[in-house]
Amino acid sequence: MVTLEVDVRGQTCPVPLVECRKALRKASPGDEVVVVGTHPASKKEIPMACESLGLDVLAVEDKGNEWKIRIRR
């Protein structure tokens, strides 16, 4: 298993979702993609998009102004 980290802090829609999808395409089944960002709308959009693709959203963590989303491919 590999963990891919995507840092989209300071980016606004649609950049966080686009970068997340790029990382998911690179990931192999079983790999984990961790997305770190600051845009509030993306914190909701990314998990919804991943669930619609049938991917497992492992966690959505808030850390002050930042959030972290862990996704299993």
Protein backbone atom coordinates (compact mmCIF):
# COMPACT_ATOMS: atom_id res chain seq x y z
CA MET A 1 0.00 0.00 0.00
CA VAL A 2 1.17 3.47 -0.90
CA THR A 3 0.00 6.80 0.52
CA LEU A 4 -0.21 9.71 -1.89
CA GLU A 5 -0.49 13.18 -0.35
CA VAL A 6 -2.15 16.05 -2.21
CA ASP A 7 -1.57 19.52 -0.78
CA VAL A 8 -4.17 21.98 -2.07
CA ARG A 9 -3.97 24.52 0.75
CA GLY A 10 -4.88 27.98 -0.53
CA GLN A 11 -6.55 26.59 -3.67
CA THR A 12 -10.26 27.08 -4.42
CA CYS A 13 -12.72 25.02 -6.47
CA PRO A 14 -12.31 23.24 -8.74
CA VAL A 15 -8.56 22.79 -8.16
CA PRO A 16 -8.77 20.60 -5.00
CA LEU A 17 -11.19 18.15 -6.64
CA VAL A 18 -9.20 18.06 -9.89
CA GLU A 19 -5.94 17.37 -8.04
CA CYS A 20 -7.66 14.70 -5.92
CA ARG A 21 -8.91 12.95 -9.04
CA LYS A 22 -5.43 13.05 -10.62
CA ALA A 23 -3.98 11.38 -7.52
CA LEU A 24 -6.74 8.76 -7.49
CA ARG A 25 -5.98 7.90 -11.14
CA LYS A 26 -2.29 7.36 -10.23
CA ALA A 27 -3.14 5.27 -7.16
CA SER A 28 -3.48 1.50 -7.30
CA PRO A 29 -6.35 -0.38 -5.64
CA GLY A 30 -5.73 -0.41 -1.88
CA ASP A 31 -3.63 2.76 -1.93
CA GLU A 32 -4.58 5.73 0.23
CA VAL A 33 -4.88 9.31 -1.01
CA VAL A 34 -4.65 12.06 1.62
CA VAL A 35 -5.89 15.50 0.55
CA VAL A 36 -5.00 18.52 2.72
CA GLY A 37 -6.70 21.83 2.00
CA THR A 38 -8.31 25.00 3.27
CA HIS A 39 -11.28 25.65 0.94
CA PRO A 40 -14.48 24.90 2.93
CA ALA A 41 -16.62 23.82 -0.05
CA SER A 42 -14.02 21.29 -1.20
CA LYS A 43 -14.17 19.58 2.19
CA LYS A 44 -17.76 18.61 1.31
CA GLU A 45 -17.39 18.14 -2.45
CA ILE A 46 -14.42 15.76 -2.40
CA PRO A 47 -16.03 13.11 -0.14
CA MET A 48 -19.29 13.31 -2.13
CA ALA A 49 -17.42 12.81 -5.41
CA CYS A 50 -15.40 9.92 -4.02
CA GLU A 51 -18.46 8.15 -2.64
CA SER A 52 -20.22 8.53 -6.01
CA LEU A 53 -17.20 6.77 -7.58
CA GLY A 54 -17.52 3.91 -5.09
CA LEU A 55 -14.36 4.81 -3.15
CA ASP A 56 -14.00 4.57 0.64
CA VAL A 57 -13.72 7.90 2.46
CA LEU A 58 -11.81 6.82 5.58
CA ALA A 59 -11.81 10.13 7.47
CA VAL A 60 -12.52 13.84 7.21
CA GLU A 61 -10.54 15.71 9.87
CA ASP A 62 -10.73 19.39 10.78
CA LYS A 63 -7.59 21.11 12.04
CA GLY A 64 -8.51 24.76 12.57
CA ASN A 65 -8.59 26.40 9.15
CA GLU A 66 -7.32 23.24 7.45
CA TRP A 67 -8.91 19.91 6.72
CA LYS A 68 -7.59 16.48 5.78
CA ILE A 69 -9.49 13.83 3.83
CA ARG A 70 -8.28 10.23 3.68
CA ILE A 71 -9.55 8.12 0.77
CA ARG A 72 -8.88 4.44 -0.04
CA ARG A 73 -8.73 3.62 -3.76
